[in-house]
């Protein structure tokens, strides 16, 4: 049985025995890590930048192609510098101190490597990178706390986080605080406008579409709904249209900013987002299950997971719109406080698609928006370089966990580290770290088993 020593006690093992057993040269190991990282980084960012270029939906100009290529190369240089810097600082600290300790095995080398690497990346991408890694780091710290019985997980915890964050965002959205000088302060509000609709945004006036609709229906008596003759499809289509027209003519409170009736407003939002959810899930199922979709399409497309996203998106939009309309009917006014209540209620729909990644990403995005709003109002000071510090700290936590407690790390992130290092990260002498009592080698064996099982699917 391995004797557990203090976290402050060092281990006397050289770099060759711990982090690069394939070569005795630290310089060769660092350069090798850099070359391996370049190949995978170029593959990753070629895909990312090309997809971003294609999603614009137009033929790119020479300037756009040049900008895309330069951005791809710059991001590749940033990510590959991480791989080289980690090995370089790991060996450098070992030579300066004469030993490894609990922090110099991974956390400090990672922090230093990421600090220099992030300076290579474009400033416009640093915020997105810090949000992503802080999201994963938060989940990782939570998993570590759960494994130590410091906290108890709750099934509805992510639902609560999501509901509260959406309540804050939609209150900003409805009160007009999401804009500065007429421009949105964050792209997240553009997503919200698509989900809940433009009529919940401040300063949106009642559309003339509804009054035109009512006038045409009143003046033209021939527009009354009758069951038409013709093909079955034509009859069904016209019956559906007539039903929708009747729903549109139901009562609507003058305080509501939307056209047509409140029932139509809620149902229209529900149907729209259900369609979006199904389209997204079908597309993802097709892309990620291309091997098996032709063998058993029903098993891939028609499963619970396929409709869960659609039910969540449709349920959230429908509940939010419906609750806002009820509150407007009760109070005879339209205020930002309605969005707060409606979002908390609509957040229940997240139970259909409880996703920790989405909830934590939203939490950090909200924290950033609230912090920036506090800076604009002079409530809190601006901290120079905070995004860089957050990125370095979060990545240091992830590298430290991947080294000592890989089972607590999200498997997709561990797979990323494994890929970017060409498998070298798994070849570290993790058994030497068992002296700190974290069952490191046992956890690594478990992660490798899960990793190979997933890779073989």
Protein backbone atom coordinates (compact mmCIF):
# COMPACT_ATOMS: atom_id res chain seq x y z
CA UNK A 1 0.00 0.00 0.00
CA UNK A 2 1.32 3.45 -0.97
CA UNK A 3 2.11 5.69 1.98
CA UNK A 4 0.28 9.01 1.67
CA UNK A 5 2.50 12.04 2.21
CA UNK A 6 1.75 15.71 2.77
CA UNK A 7 0.72 17.82 -0.21
CA UNK A 8 3.66 20.11 0.62
CA UNK A 9 6.23 17.28 0.50
CA UNK A 10 8.25 17.03 -2.73
CA UNK A 11 8.95 13.96 -4.84
CA UNK A 12 12.50 13.47 -6.03
CA UNK A 13 12.13 12.26 -9.59
CA UNK A 14 13.69 13.70 -12.73
CA UNK A 15 11.90 14.93 -15.87
CA UNK A 16 12.87 11.87 -17.90
CA UNK A 17 11.31 9.54 -15.33
CA UNK A 18 8.12 11.57 -14.99
CA UNK A 19 7.00 13.57 -18.02
CA UNK A 20 9.01 12.53 -21.09
CA UNK A 21 10.16 8.89 -20.82
CA UNK A 22 10.60 8.73 -24.62
CA UNK A 23 13.66 11.03 -24.49
CA UNK A 24 16.18 12.22 -21.90
CA UNK A 25 16.43 15.69 -23.47
CA UNK A 26 14.01 18.30 -22.08
CA UNK A 27 14.52 20.49 -25.16
CA UNK A 28 13.75 17.62 -27.50
CA UNK A 29 10.64 16.78 -25.49
CA UNK A 30 9.42 20.39 -25.64
CA UNK A 31 10.01 20.70 -29.39
CA UNK A 32 8.36 17.32 -29.96
CA UNK A 33 5.30 18.44 -27.99
CA UNK A 34 5.17 21.61 -30.08
CA UNK A 35 5.28 19.72 -33.38
CA UNK A 36 2.56 17.30 -32.25
CA UNK A 37 0.39 20.18 -31.07
CA UNK A 38 0.79 22.06 -34.38
CA UNK A 39 -0.67 19.18 -36.39
CA UNK A 40 -3.76 18.78 -34.22
CA UNK A 41 -4.22 22.52 -33.68
CA UNK A 42 -4.17 23.14 -37.42
CA UNK A 43 -6.78 20.44 -37.93
CA UNK A 44 -9.04 21.88 -35.23
CA UNK A 45 -8.85 25.51 -36.31
CA UNK A 46 -9.09 24.74 -40.01
CA UNK A 47 -12.46 23.13 -39.27
CA UNK A 48 -13.59 25.96 -36.98
CA UNK A 49 -12.65 28.82 -39.28
CA UNK A 50 -13.93 27.14 -42.45
CA UNK A 51 -17.30 26.43 -40.82
CA UNK A 52 -17.51 30.06 -39.68
CA UNK A 53 -16.77 31.17 -43.25
CA UNK A 54 -19.38 28.83 -44.75
CA UNK A 55 -22.07 29.88 -42.26
CA UNK A 56 -22.01 33.41 -43.66
CA UNK A 57 -23.95 32.01 -46.61
CA UNK A 58 -22.19 34.04 -49.28
CA UNK A 59 -19.18 33.73 -51.55
CA UNK A 60 -16.20 34.99 -49.51
CA UNK A 61 -14.13 37.85 -50.85
CA UNK A 62 -10.33 37.77 -51.11
CA UNK A 63 -10.10 39.91 -48.01
CA UNK A 64 -12.33 37.52 -46.02
CA UNK A 65 -10.29 34.51 -47.18
CA UNK A 66 -7.06 36.25 -46.20
CA UNK A 67 -8.47 37.19 -42.81
CA UNK A 68 -9.68 33.61 -42.26
CA UNK A 69 -6.31 32.08 -43.13
CA UNK A 70 -4.40 34.54 -40.90
CA UNK A 71 -6.83 33.93 -38.03
CA UNK A 72 -6.47 30.17 -38.45
CA UNK A 73 -2.67 30.39 -38.34
CA UNK A 74 -2.72 32.72 -35.33
CA UNK A 75 -5.05 30.43 -33.37
CA UNK A 76 -2.91 27.43 -34.33
CA UNK A 77 0.18 29.22 -33.02
CA UNK A 78 -1.65 29.98 -29.76
CA UNK A 79 -2.80 26.42 -29.11
CA UNK A 80 0.47 24.76 -30.11
CA UNK A 81 2.37 27.19 -27.86
CA UNK A 82 0.35 25.75 -24.98
CA UNK A 83 1.64 22.26 -25.71
CA UNK A 84 5.25 23.35 -25.94
CA UNK A 85 5.07 25.75 -22.99
CA UNK A 86 3.63 23.19 -20.58
CA UNK A 87 6.50 20.74 -21.11
CA UNK A 88 9.07 23.55 -21.15
CA UNK A 89 7.98 25.11 -17.82
CA UNK A 90 7.50 21.68 -16.26
CA UNK A 91 11.14 20.79 -16.91
CA UNK A 92 12.41 24.30 -16.13
CA UNK A 93 10.78 24.38 -12.67
CA UNK A 94 12.13 20.88 -11.95
CA UNK A 95 15.68 22.04 -12.73
CA UNK A 96 15.33 25.26 -10.68
CA UNK A 97 13.86 23.58 -7.59
CA UNK A 98 15.58 20.21 -7.86
CA UNK A 99 12.31 18.32 -7.37
CA UNK A 100 8.60 18.21 -8.21
CA UNK A 101 5.90 19.19 -5.73
CA UNK A 102 2.10 19.16 -5.71
CA UNK A 103 1.83 22.45 -7.61
CA UNK A 104 4.82 22.26 -9.95
CA UNK A 105 3.74 18.88 -11.35
CA UNK A 106 1.03 20.55 -13.41
CA UNK A 107 -0.75 23.66 -12.09
CA UNK A 108 2.05 26.26 -12.14
CA UNK A 109 3.62 25.10 -15.44
CA UNK A 110 0.17 25.20 -17.05
CA UNK A 111 -0.58 28.69 -15.70
CA UNK A 112 2.73 30.05 -17.03
CA UNK A 113 2.40 28.32 -20.41
CA UNK A 114 -1.15 29.59 -20.90
CA UNK A 115 -0.21 33.14 -19.90
CA UNK A 116 2.34 33.41 -22.69
CA UNK A 117 0.21 31.46 -25.17
CA UNK A 118 -2.97 33.54 -24.74
CA UNK A 119 -1.01 36.68 -25.64
CA UNK A 120 -0.55 35.18 -29.12
CA UNK A 121 -4.29 34.77 -29.67
CA UNK A 122 -6.44 37.61 -30.98
CA UNK A 123 -7.90 39.79 -28.17
CA UNK A 124 -11.41 39.32 -29.60
CA UNK A 125 -11.20 35.56 -28.95
CA UNK A 126 -9.77 35.73 -25.45
CA UNK A 127 -13.12 36.34 -23.80
CA UNK A 128 -14.73 33.35 -25.54
CA UNK A 129 -11.81 31.13 -24.57
CA UNK A 130 -11.94 32.24 -20.93
CA UNK A 131 -15.70 31.61 -20.79
CA UNK A 132 -15.28 28.11 -22.21
CA UNK A 133 -12.46 26.94 -19.93
CA UNK A 134 -14.01 28.56 -16.83
CA UNK A 135 -17.18 26.65 -17.64
CA UNK A 136 -15.34 23.31 -17.76
CA UNK A 137 -13.22 24.23 -14.72
CA UNK A 138 -16.33 25.01 -12.66
CA UNK A 139 -17.81 21.62 -13.51
CA UNK A 140 -14.49 19.97 -12.66
CA UNK A 141 -14.19 21.65 -9.25
CA UNK A 142 -17.78 20.60 -8.52
CA UNK A 143 -16.96 16.98 -9.41
CA UNK A 144 -13.94 17.09 -7.12
CA UNK A 145 -16.06 18.48 -4.28
CA UNK A 146 -18.68 15.75 -4.79
CA UNK A 147 -16.02 13.01 -4.77
CA UNK A 148 -14.79 14.33 -1.40
CA UNK A 149 -18.35 14.49 0.03
CA UNK A 150 -18.04 18.24 0.54
CA UNK A 151 -21.30 18.83 -1.32
CA UNK A 152 -24.28 16.77 -2.36
CA UNK A 153 -25.43 16.89 -5.97
CA UNK A 154 -29.05 17.80 -6.68
CA UNK A 155 -30.87 16.59 -9.78
CA UNK A 156 -32.54 19.96 -10.31
CA UNK A 157 -29.42 22.03 -9.63
CA UNK A 158 -28.73 22.80 -13.29
CA UNK A 159 -32.41 23.70 -13.78
CA UNK A 160 -32.19 26.26 -10.97
CA UNK A 161 -28.96 27.75 -12.40
CA UNK A 162 -30.49 27.95 -15.88
CA UNK A 163 -33.74 29.52 -14.64
CA UNK A 164 -32.03 32.19 -12.55
CA UNK A 165 -29.60 33.09 -15.33
CA UNK A 166 -32.38 33.35 -17.92
CA UNK A 167 -34.41 35.48 -15.50
CA UNK A 168 -31.51 37.94 -15.22
CA UNK A 169 -30.84 38.00 -18.98
CA UNK A 170 -34.49 38.45 -19.97
CA UNK A 171 -34.99 41.18 -17.36
CA UNK A 172 -32.08 43.02 -18.98
CA UNK A 173 -33.59 42.29 -22.39
CA UNK A 174 -37.03 43.63 -21.51
CA UNK A 175 -35.82 46.66 -19.57
CA UNK A 176 -33.52 47.86 -22.35
CA UNK A 177 -30.32 47.41 -20.31
CA UNK A 178 -29.00 45.02 -22.96
CA UNK A 179 -28.22 47.93 -25.29
CA UNK A 180 -25.65 50.67 -25.18
CA UNK A 181 -25.99 53.52 -27.68
CA UNK A 182 -28.54 51.47 -29.59
CA UNK A 183 -26.22 48.45 -29.95
CA UNK A 184 -26.48 45.16 -28.04
CA UNK A 185 -23.77 44.83 -25.40
CA UNK A 186 -23.58 41.06 -25.88
CA UNK A 187 -24.41 38.67 -28.72
CA UNK A 188 -26.35 36.52 -26.26
CA UNK A 189 -29.24 38.99 -26.48
CA UNK A 190 -29.47 38.36 -30.22
CA UNK A 191 -30.03 34.68 -29.40
CA UNK A 192 -32.69 35.62 -26.86
CA UNK A 193 -34.46 37.78 -29.42
CA UNK A 194 -34.67 34.76 -31.71
CA UNK A 195 -35.93 32.47 -28.92
CA UNK A 196 -38.57 34.62 -27.19
CA UNK A 197 -39.29 36.93 -30.13
CA UNK A 198 -38.82 40.65 -30.79
CA UNK A 199 -42.05 41.73 -29.09
CA UNK A 200 -40.62 41.13 -25.60
CA UNK A 201 -37.83 43.59 -26.26
CA UNK A 202 -38.17 47.10 -24.88
CA UNK A 203 -39.40 49.86 -27.23
CA UNK A 204 -41.12 47.44 -29.63
CA UNK A 205 -44.44 48.97 -30.63
CA UNK A 206 -47.62 47.11 -31.46
CA UNK A 207 -47.52 45.88 -35.05
CA UNK A 208 -50.04 47.11 -37.62
CA UNK A 209 -50.18 43.53 -38.87
CA UNK A 210 -52.88 42.64 -36.35
CA UNK A 211 -55.14 45.63 -37.03
CA UNK A 212 -54.83 45.04 -40.79
CA UNK A 213 -55.76 41.40 -40.25
CA UNK A 214 -58.85 42.28 -38.20
CA UNK A 215 -59.98 44.94 -40.69
CA UNK A 216 -59.67 42.60 -43.65
CA UNK A 217 -61.56 39.87 -41.86
CA UNK A 218 -64.36 42.27 -40.85
CA UNK A 219 -64.79 44.01 -44.18
CA UNK A 220 -64.54 40.91 -46.33
CA UNK A 221 -67.41 38.67 -45.36
CA UNK A 222 -66.33 36.10 -47.93
CA UNK A 223 -63.28 35.36 -45.82
CA UNK A 224 -65.38 33.38 -43.34
CA UNK A 225 -64.04 29.92 -42.93
CA UNK A 226 -65.83 27.13 -44.85
CA UNK A 227 -64.70 23.62 -45.60
CA UNK A 228 -63.47 23.72 -49.22
CA UNK A 229 -63.63 21.09 -51.90
CA UNK A 230 -60.61 19.66 -53.70
CA UNK A 231 -57.81 17.25 -52.84
CA UNK A 232 -57.42 15.91 -49.33
CA UNK A 233 -54.15 17.79 -48.84
CA UNK A 234 -55.67 21.09 -50.03
CA UNK A 235 -58.66 20.65 -47.76
CA UNK A 236 -56.46 19.83 -44.77
CA UNK A 237 -54.28 22.84 -45.49
CA UNK A 238 -57.22 25.23 -45.73
CA UNK A 239 -58.85 23.78 -42.62
CA UNK A 240 -55.57 24.34 -40.76
CA UNK A 241 -55.40 27.91 -42.06
CA UNK A 242 -58.96 28.55 -40.97
CA UNK A 243 -58.23 27.19 -37.51
CA UNK A 244 -55.17 29.42 -37.19
CA UNK A 245 -57.27 32.42 -38.30
CA UNK A 246 -59.81 31.70 -35.56
CA UNK A 247 -57.05 31.47 -32.94
CA UNK A 248 -55.60 34.75 -34.19
CA UNK A 249 -58.98 36.48 -33.69
CA UNK A 250 -59.22 35.52 -30.02
CA UNK A 251 -59.04 38.33 -27.46
CA UNK A 252 -55.76 40.11 -26.72
CA UNK A 253 -55.03 42.64 -23.99
CA UNK A 254 -54.06 46.16 -25.18
CA UNK A 255 -51.00 45.97 -22.90
CA UNK A 256 -49.60 43.11 -24.99
CA UNK A 257 -47.12 44.33 -27.65
CA UNK A 258 -47.57 41.36 -29.99
CA UNK A 259 -49.96 41.05 -32.95
CA UNK A 260 -53.00 38.73 -32.86
CA UNK A 261 -54.23 36.90 -29.75
CA UNK A 262 -52.21 35.83 -26.72
CA UNK A 263 -53.05 32.15 -27.38
CA UNK A 264 -51.69 32.41 -30.91
CA UNK A 265 -48.60 34.23 -29.61
CA UNK A 266 -47.74 31.45 -27.13
CA UNK A 267 -48.55 28.58 -29.50
CA UNK A 268 -46.66 30.18 -32.38
CA UNK A 269 -43.54 30.51 -30.22
CA UNK A 270 -43.87 26.92 -29.03
CA UNK A 271 -44.27 25.54 -32.55
CA UNK A 272 -41.42 27.59 -33.99
CA UNK A 273 -38.87 26.50 -31.39
CA UNK A 274 -40.00 22.85 -31.49
CA UNK A 275 -39.25 22.92 -35.21
CA UNK A 276 -35.84 24.50 -34.58
CA UNK A 277 -35.02 21.94 -31.88
CA UNK A 278 -35.98 19.00 -34.09
CA UNK A 279 -33.99 20.37 -37.04
CA UNK A 280 -30.87 20.87 -34.88
CA UNK A 281 -31.14 17.45 -33.23
CA UNK A 282 -31.77 15.63 -36.51
CA UNK A 283 -28.78 17.39 -38.08
CA UNK A 284 -26.51 16.49 -35.16
CA UNK A 285 -27.78 12.89 -35.13
CA UNK A 286 -27.09 12.61 -38.85
CA UNK A 287 -23.55 14.04 -38.60
CA UNK A 288 -22.42 12.11 -35.51
CA UNK A 289 -24.11 8.81 -36.39
CA UNK A 290 -23.33 8.71 -40.08
CA UNK A 291 -22.00 5.14 -39.82
CA UNK A 292 -25.17 3.65 -38.34
CA UNK A 293 -27.92 5.93 -39.61
CA UNK A 294 -28.34 4.01 -42.87
CA UNK A 295 -28.48 0.69 -41.03
CA UNK A 296 -31.05 1.72 -38.43
CA UNK A 297 -32.40 5.24 -39.09
CA UNK A 298 -35.38 4.79 -36.76
CA UNK A 299 -33.17 3.93 -33.80
CA UNK A 300 -31.07 7.05 -34.34
CA UNK A 301 -33.67 9.65 -35.28
CA UNK A 302 -36.72 8.58 -33.26
CA UNK A 303 -35.41 8.32 -29.75
CA UNK A 304 -36.13 10.33 -26.62
CA UNK A 305 -32.92 12.33 -26.85
CA UNK A 306 -33.93 13.52 -30.33
CA UNK A 307 -37.10 15.25 -29.14
CA UNK A 308 -35.82 16.40 -25.74
CA UNK A 309 -34.12 19.51 -27.16
CA UNK A 310 -37.26 20.38 -29.14
CA UNK A 311 -39.49 20.03 -26.06
CA UNK A 312 -37.12 22.19 -24.02
CA UNK A 313 -36.88 25.00 -26.57
CA UNK A 314 -40.58 24.95 -27.43
CA UNK A 315 -41.65 24.63 -23.81
CA UNK A 316 -39.43 27.49 -22.67
CA UNK A 317 -40.65 29.88 -25.38
CA UNK A 318 -44.29 28.91 -24.99
CA UNK A 319 -44.25 29.17 -21.20
CA UNK A 320 -42.37 32.46 -21.24
CA UNK A 321 -44.70 34.11 -23.75
CA UNK A 322 -47.81 32.69 -22.10
CA UNK A 323 -46.77 33.79 -18.60
CA UNK A 324 -45.90 37.30 -19.82
CA UNK A 325 -49.33 37.58 -21.45
CA UNK A 326 -51.09 36.41 -18.27
CA UNK A 327 -49.18 38.96 -16.19
CA UNK A 328 -50.01 41.72 -18.69
CA UNK A 329 -53.67 40.77 -18.55
CA UNK A 330 -53.67 40.84 -14.76
CA UNK A 331 -51.71 44.09 -14.28
CA UNK A 332 -52.83 45.89 -17.47
CA UNK A 333 -49.17 46.95 -17.94
CA UNK A 334 -46.03 45.58 -19.56
CA UNK A 335 -42.90 45.73 -17.39
CA UNK A 336 -39.47 44.20 -17.00
CA UNK A 337 -40.54 42.45 -13.80
CA UNK A 338 -42.83 40.25 -15.90
CA UNK A 339 -39.77 38.79 -17.64
CA UNK A 340 -38.23 37.90 -14.27
CA UNK A 341 -41.26 35.87 -13.18
CA UNK A 342 -41.92 34.38 -16.62
CA UNK A 343 -38.31 33.21 -17.06
CA UNK A 344 -38.28 31.50 -13.67
CA UNK A 345 -41.44 29.61 -14.60
CA UNK A 346 -40.32 28.85 -18.16
CA UNK A 347 -37.01 27.50 -16.83
CA UNK A 348 -38.90 24.38 -15.72
CA UNK A 349 -38.75 23.30 -19.39
CA UNK A 350 -34.99 22.76 -18.93
CA UNK A 351 -35.89 19.52 -17.15
CA UNK A 352 -36.50 18.09 -20.62
CA UNK A 353 -32.88 18.77 -21.58
CA UNK A 354 -30.81 19.18 -18.38
CA UNK A 355 -27.34 19.99 -19.64
CA UNK A 356 -24.59 20.99 -17.22
CA UNK A 357 -22.48 22.56 -19.97
CA UNK A 358 -25.28 24.88 -21.08
CA UNK A 359 -26.17 25.90 -17.51
CA UNK A 360 -22.59 26.67 -16.48
CA UNK A 361 -21.81 28.48 -19.73
CA UNK A 362 -24.90 30.63 -19.21
CA UNK A 363 -23.85 31.30 -15.60
CA UNK A 364 -20.44 32.61 -16.63
CA UNK A 365 -21.93 34.59 -19.51
CA UNK A 366 -24.38 36.27 -17.13
CA UNK A 367 -21.58 37.01 -14.65
CA UNK A 368 -19.64 38.75 -17.41
CA UNK A 369 -22.67 40.80 -18.55
CA UNK A 370 -23.54 41.87 -14.99
CA UNK A 371 -19.90 42.73 -14.28
CA UNK A 372 -19.62 44.84 -17.44
CA UNK A 373 -22.88 46.58 -16.55
CA UNK A 374 -21.47 47.33 -13.11
CA UNK A 375 -18.38 48.86 -14.73
CA UNK A 376 -20.56 51.04 -16.99
CA UNK A 377 -22.49 52.29 -13.96
CA UNK A 378 -19.34 52.88 -11.93
CA UNK A 379 -20.37 50.32 -9.31
CA UNK A 380 -17.34 48.03 -9.67
CA UNK A 381 -13.84 48.81 -10.97
CA UNK A 382 -12.47 47.43 -14.23
CA UNK A 383 -9.75 44.86 -13.59
CA UNK A 384 -7.13 44.99 -16.39
CA UNK A 385 -6.32 41.60 -17.87
CA UNK A 386 -9.05 39.77 -15.95
CA UNK A 387 -9.98 37.63 -18.97
CA UNK A 388 -6.36 36.50 -19.31
CA UNK A 389 -6.09 35.70 -15.59
CA UNK A 390 -9.39 33.78 -15.63
CA UNK A 391 -8.28 31.79 -18.66
CA UNK A 392 -4.89 30.91 -17.12
CA UNK A 393 -6.36 29.99 -13.73
CA UNK A 394 -9.15 27.86 -15.22
CA UNK A 395 -6.78 26.03 -17.55
CA UNK A 396 -4.34 25.44 -14.69
CA UNK A 397 -7.18 23.80 -12.73
CA UNK A 398 -8.02 21.60 -15.73
CA UNK A 399 -4.41 20.51 -16.29
CA UNK A 400 -3.92 19.88 -12.57
CA UNK A 401 -7.07 17.74 -12.45
CA UNK A 402 -6.14 15.88 -15.64
CA UNK A 403 -2.80 15.02 -14.03
CA UNK A 404 -3.94 14.07 -10.52
CA UNK A 405 -7.66 13.21 -10.76
CA UNK A 406 -8.49 12.52 -14.43
CA UNK A 407 -11.75 10.77 -13.50
CA UNK A 408 -13.14 14.10 -12.24
CA UNK A 409 -12.51 15.80 -15.58
CA UNK A 410 -15.02 15.88 -18.42
CA UNK A 411 -14.02 13.01 -20.73
CA UNK A 412 -14.27 15.21 -23.83
CA UNK A 413 -11.67 17.62 -22.40
CA UNK A 414 -9.35 14.79 -21.40
CA UNK A 415 -9.70 13.43 -24.94
CA UNK A 416 -8.74 16.86 -26.25
CA UNK A 417 -5.58 16.88 -24.10
CA UNK A 418 -4.79 13.35 -25.22
CA UNK A 419 -5.22 14.33 -28.87
CA UNK A 420 -3.31 17.63 -28.75
CA UNK A 421 -0.34 15.89 -27.09
CA UNK A 422 -0.46 12.89 -29.48
CA UNK A 423 -1.10 10.61 -26.50
CA UNK A 424 1.94 11.86 -24.56
CA UNK A 425 -0.14 13.19 -21.68
CA UNK A 426 -1.25 9.65 -20.82
CA UNK A 427 2.36 8.43 -20.88
CA UNK A 428 3.34 10.53 -17.84
CA UNK A 429 4.40 8.48 -14.83
CA UNK A 430 1.13 8.95 -12.97
CA UNK A 431 2.05 6.15 -10.57
CA UNK A 432 4.66 8.45 -8.99
CA UNK A 433 1.81 10.78 -7.98
CA UNK A 434 0.00 8.13 -5.92
CA UNK A 435 2.06 9.22 -2.90
CA UNK A 436 -0.35 12.14 -2.50
CA UNK A 437 -3.26 9.77 -1.89
CA UNK A 438 -5.52 10.64 -4.82
CA UNK A 439 -5.46 7.20 -6.53
CA UNK A 440 -4.08 8.88 -9.63
CA UNK A 441 -2.96 5.75 -11.50
CA UNK A 442 -6.25 3.99 -10.73
CA UNK A 443 -8.24 6.96 -12.03
CA UNK A 444 -6.10 7.11 -15.17
CA UNK A 445 -6.78 3.43 -15.90
CA UNK A 446 -10.51 4.10 -15.54
CA UNK A 447 -10.39 7.11 -17.88
CA UNK A 448 -8.35 5.24 -20.50
CA UNK A 449 -10.87 2.41 -20.42
CA UNK A 450 -13.77 4.83 -20.99
CA UNK A 451 -11.81 6.72 -23.63
CA UNK A 452 -11.02 3.62 -25.68
CA UNK A 453 -14.59 2.36 -25.26
CA UNK A 454 -15.98 5.61 -26.65
CA UNK A 455 -13.40 5.77 -29.44
CA UNK A 456 -14.36 2.29 -30.63
CA UNK A 457 -18.05 3.20 -31.00
